[in-house]
Amino acid sequence: MFEAVQSKLSQISHVAVWVGGGALLLSAIMVTGDVLARKIFGVTISGSDEISGYVFAASTTWAYSYTLLGRANIRIDALYNMLKAGPRAFLDVIGIFLLLYYVYLLTTNGIGVFIETLEFDKTAQTTLATPLWIPQMFWISGLAFFLLCTAFVSVYALTGLVRGDWRLVNRVAGVKSVEEEISEETHA
């Protein structure tokens, strides 16, 4: 059951990363067009910097889950690699639960900001006067999905720890080995 859920979450995060990457590419093209138009014709595309900021914030939050599920996050692991599998698994579970707590705080505070934005009908103090609930909706949904993925990985890793299945904990929440990294790079 856990593997099916992990697979589905990975599929969703994979699509989200591609959509976010495409949006970032389009915003880069828009900013480039703005710079060229300003340099060549002396006109500007108003709001290109604002829109690219919104796209960056939203695509970043949606990429968090992809990074988590792919175990691509960067961790300081100098001492970690010297430990035996059991202590490493224990540290992995502690680490994922600390991340869960942080993401929970981040998401709940983000939801508070979103609700306040809706209540007071806040708009950006720019020429576009963007209703802020629109970019915040994409931002907060990415955080909420990341919270869901982090909660899932936490429960999955804890299950492996309770069973004494150190390989499962490593496969779900641990640091990739050098061999895994090489294999991914050469077979991708």
Protein backbone atom coordinates (compact mmCIF):
# COMPACT_ATOMS: atom_id res chain seq x y z
CA MET A 1 0.00 0.00 0.00
CA PHE A 2 2.78 2.44 0.93
CA GLU A 3 4.54 1.87 -2.38
CA ALA A 4 1.37 2.61 -4.37
CA VAL A 5 0.81 5.86 -2.49
CA GLN A 6 4.46 6.83 -2.92
CA SER A 7 4.23 6.11 -6.63
CA LYS A 8 1.12 8.28 -7.01
CA LEU A 9 2.65 11.15 -5.04
CA SER A 10 5.80 10.86 -7.15
CA GLN A 11 3.76 11.01 -10.36
CA ILE A 12 1.94 14.14 -9.20
CA SER A 13 5.16 15.82 -8.11
CA HIS A 14 6.84 14.87 -11.41
CA VAL A 15 4.05 16.55 -13.41
CA ALA A 16 4.15 19.59 -11.10
CA VAL A 17 7.90 19.97 -11.62
CA TRP A 18 7.48 19.91 -15.39
CA VAL A 19 4.64 22.45 -15.26
CA GLY A 20 6.65 24.66 -12.91
CA GLY A 21 9.73 24.37 -15.10
CA GLY A 22 7.69 25.29 -18.17
CA ALA A 23 6.23 28.29 -16.35
CA LEU A 24 9.72 29.39 -15.30
CA LEU A 25 10.91 29.07 -18.88
CA LEU A 26 7.99 31.17 -20.13
CA SER A 27 8.61 33.82 -17.50
CA ALA A 28 12.31 33.92 -18.46
CA ILE A 29 11.29 34.44 -22.09
CA MET A 30 8.91 37.21 -20.99
CA VAL A 31 11.62 38.96 -18.95
CA THR A 32 14.08 38.60 -21.83
CA GLY A 33 11.50 40.11 -24.18
CA ASP A 34 10.97 42.95 -21.73
CA VAL A 35 14.69 43.69 -21.52
CA LEU A 36 15.09 43.59 -25.31
CA ALA A 37 12.01 45.75 -25.90
CA ARG A 38 13.26 48.28 -23.37
CA LYS A 39 16.74 48.35 -24.92
CA ILE A 40 15.69 48.38 -28.58
CA PHE A 41 12.35 50.22 -28.61
CA GLY A 42 12.35 52.04 -25.28
CA VAL A 43 9.11 50.36 -24.15
CA THR A 44 8.56 47.99 -21.29
CA ILE A 45 6.27 45.04 -20.64
CA SER A 46 4.85 46.18 -17.35
CA GLY A 47 4.80 43.54 -14.65
CA SER A 48 7.14 40.94 -16.13
CA ASP A 49 9.31 41.01 -13.01
CA GLU A 50 6.24 40.70 -10.77
CA ILE A 51 4.82 37.76 -12.69
CA SER A 52 8.18 35.97 -12.77
CA GLY A 53 8.41 36.36 -8.98
CA TYR A 54 5.00 34.75 -8.53
CA VAL A 55 5.95 31.92 -10.90
CA PHE A 56 9.21 31.35 -9.06
CA ALA A 57 7.49 31.17 -5.65
CA ALA A 58 4.81 28.75 -6.85
CA SER A 59 7.11 26.49 -8.86
CA THR A 60 9.57 26.31 -5.98
CA THR A 61 6.99 25.10 -3.49
CA TRP A 62 5.74 22.46 -5.92
CA ALA A 63 9.34 21.29 -6.51
CA TYR A 64 9.87 20.60 -2.80
CA SER A 65 7.83 17.40 -2.91
CA TYR A 66 9.69 16.18 -6.00
CA THR A 67 12.99 16.75 -4.19
CA LEU A 68 11.76 15.00 -1.06
CA LEU A 69 10.34 11.94 -2.83
CA GLY A 70 13.42 11.65 -5.04
CA ARG A 71 15.72 11.97 -2.01
CA ALA A 72 17.52 14.78 -3.82
CA ASN A 73 17.71 17.15 -0.89
CA ILE A 74 21.15 18.16 0.30
CA ARG A 75 22.19 17.05 3.77
CA ILE A 76 25.43 17.24 5.66
CA ASP A 77 26.35 13.60 5.97
CA ALA A 78 30.03 13.46 6.96
CA LEU A 79 29.44 11.59 10.23
CA TYR A 80 26.22 9.98 9.01
CA ASN A 81 28.11 7.74 6.57
CA MET A 82 30.34 6.42 9.36
CA LEU A 83 27.37 5.07 11.34
CA LYS A 84 25.82 1.63 11.12
CA ALA A 85 22.44 1.18 9.41
CA GLY A 86 20.34 1.26 12.61
CA PRO A 87 21.58 4.62 13.93
CA ARG A 88 21.39 6.07 10.40
CA ALA A 89 17.76 4.96 10.12
CA PHE A 90 17.01 6.52 13.50
CA LEU A 91 18.59 9.82 12.39
CA ASP A 92 16.65 9.67 9.11
CA VAL A 93 13.37 9.34 10.99
CA ILE A 94 14.28 12.18 13.36
CA GLY A 95 15.26 14.31 10.37
CA ILE A 96 12.04 13.67 8.47
CA PHE A 97 9.92 14.41 11.54
CA LEU A 98 11.78 17.68 12.11
CA LEU A 99 11.16 18.55 8.47
CA LEU A 100 7.49 17.64 8.91
CA TYR A 101 7.22 19.99 11.89
CA TYR A 102 8.88 22.83 9.96
CA VAL A 103 6.69 22.30 6.88
CA TYR A 104 3.61 22.17 9.11
CA LEU A 105 4.51 25.56 10.62
CA LEU A 106 5.30 27.01 7.21
CA THR A 107 2.06 25.75 5.68
CA THR A 108 -0.22 26.78 8.54
CA ASN A 109 1.29 30.27 8.60
CA GLY A 110 1.00 30.44 4.82
CA ILE A 111 -2.66 29.48 5.05
CA GLY A 112 -3.12 32.28 7.60
CA VAL A 113 -1.59 34.77 5.15
CA PHE A 114 -3.82 33.43 2.36
CA ILE A 115 -6.98 33.75 4.49
CA GLU A 116 -6.03 37.30 5.49
CA THR A 117 -5.45 38.16 1.85
CA LEU A 118 -8.92 36.89 0.97
CA GLU A 119 -10.56 38.67 3.93
CA PHE A 120 -9.10 42.05 3.10
CA ASP A 121 -9.06 41.58 -0.69
CA LYS A 122 -5.39 42.53 -0.83
CA THR A 123 -3.75 43.48 -4.10
CA ALA A 124 -0.12 43.98 -5.04
CA GLN A 125 1.20 47.53 -4.74
CA THR A 126 2.29 47.49 -8.39
CA THR A 127 1.01 48.68 -11.76
CA LEU A 128 -0.66 45.30 -12.29
CA ALA A 129 -2.46 45.49 -8.92
CA THR A 130 -2.63 41.68 -8.92
CA PRO A 131 -5.17 40.23 -6.48
CA LEU A 132 -2.70 38.47 -4.20
CA TRP A 133 -4.93 35.47 -3.58
CA ILE A 134 -4.22 34.28 -7.14
CA PRO A 135 -0.43 33.72 -6.82
CA GLN A 136 -0.84 32.75 -3.17
CA MET A 137 -3.26 30.00 -4.17
CA PHE A 138 -0.56 28.31 -6.26
CA TRP A 139 2.07 28.93 -3.57
CA ILE A 140 -0.02 27.56 -0.71
CA SER A 141 -1.21 24.54 -2.70
CA GLY A 142 2.44 23.62 -3.34
CA LEU A 143 3.18 23.94 0.37
CA ALA A 144 0.11 21.86 1.26
CA PHE A 145 1.16 19.12 -1.17
CA PHE A 146 4.67 19.20 0.29
CA LEU A 147 3.17 18.84 3.78
CA LEU A 148 1.15 15.84 2.59
CA CYS A 149 4.24 14.22 1.05
CA THR A 150 6.35 14.92 4.13
CA ALA A 151 3.67 13.41 6.40
CA PHE A 152 3.50 10.34 4.18
CA VAL A 153 7.29 9.88 4.11
CA SER A 154 7.38 10.36 7.90
CA VAL A 155 4.83 7.62 8.51
CA TYR A 156 6.44 5.32 5.94
CA ALA A 157 9.92 5.81 7.44
CA LEU A 158 8.62 5.34 10.99
CA THR A 159 6.96 2.10 9.90
CA GLY A 160 10.30 0.87 8.57
CA LEU A 161 12.05 1.90 11.78
CA VAL A 162 9.51 0.08 13.97
CA ARG A 163 9.89 -3.06 11.82
CA GLY A 164 13.67 -2.81 11.98
CA ASP A 165 13.81 -2.53 8.19
CA TRP A 166 16.79 -0.17 7.85
CA ARG A 167 16.86 -0.50 4.07
CA LEU A 168 13.25 0.67 3.81
CA VAL A 169 14.00 3.70 5.99
CA ASN A 170 17.01 4.52 3.83
CA ARG A 171 15.07 4.02 0.60
CA VAL A 172 12.29 6.32 1.79
CA ALA A 173 14.01 8.99 3.89
CA GLY A 174 17.74 8.36 3.79
CA VAL A 175 20.66 9.79 1.90
CA LYS A 176 21.40 8.27 -1.48
CA SER A 177 24.55 6.23 -1.64
CA VAL A 178 27.31 7.10 -4.07
CA GLU A 179 26.40 3.97 -6.04
CA GLU A 180 22.76 5.07 -6.33
CA GLU A 181 23.82 8.53 -7.52
CA ILE A 182 26.17 7.07 -10.12
CA SER A 183 23.52 4.62 -11.30
CA GLU A 184 20.95 7.41 -11.72
CA GLU A 185 23.40 9.63 -13.62
CA THR A 186 24.54 6.89 -15.97
CA HIS A 187 21.14 5.36 -16.65
CA ALA A 188 19.01 8.50 -16.84
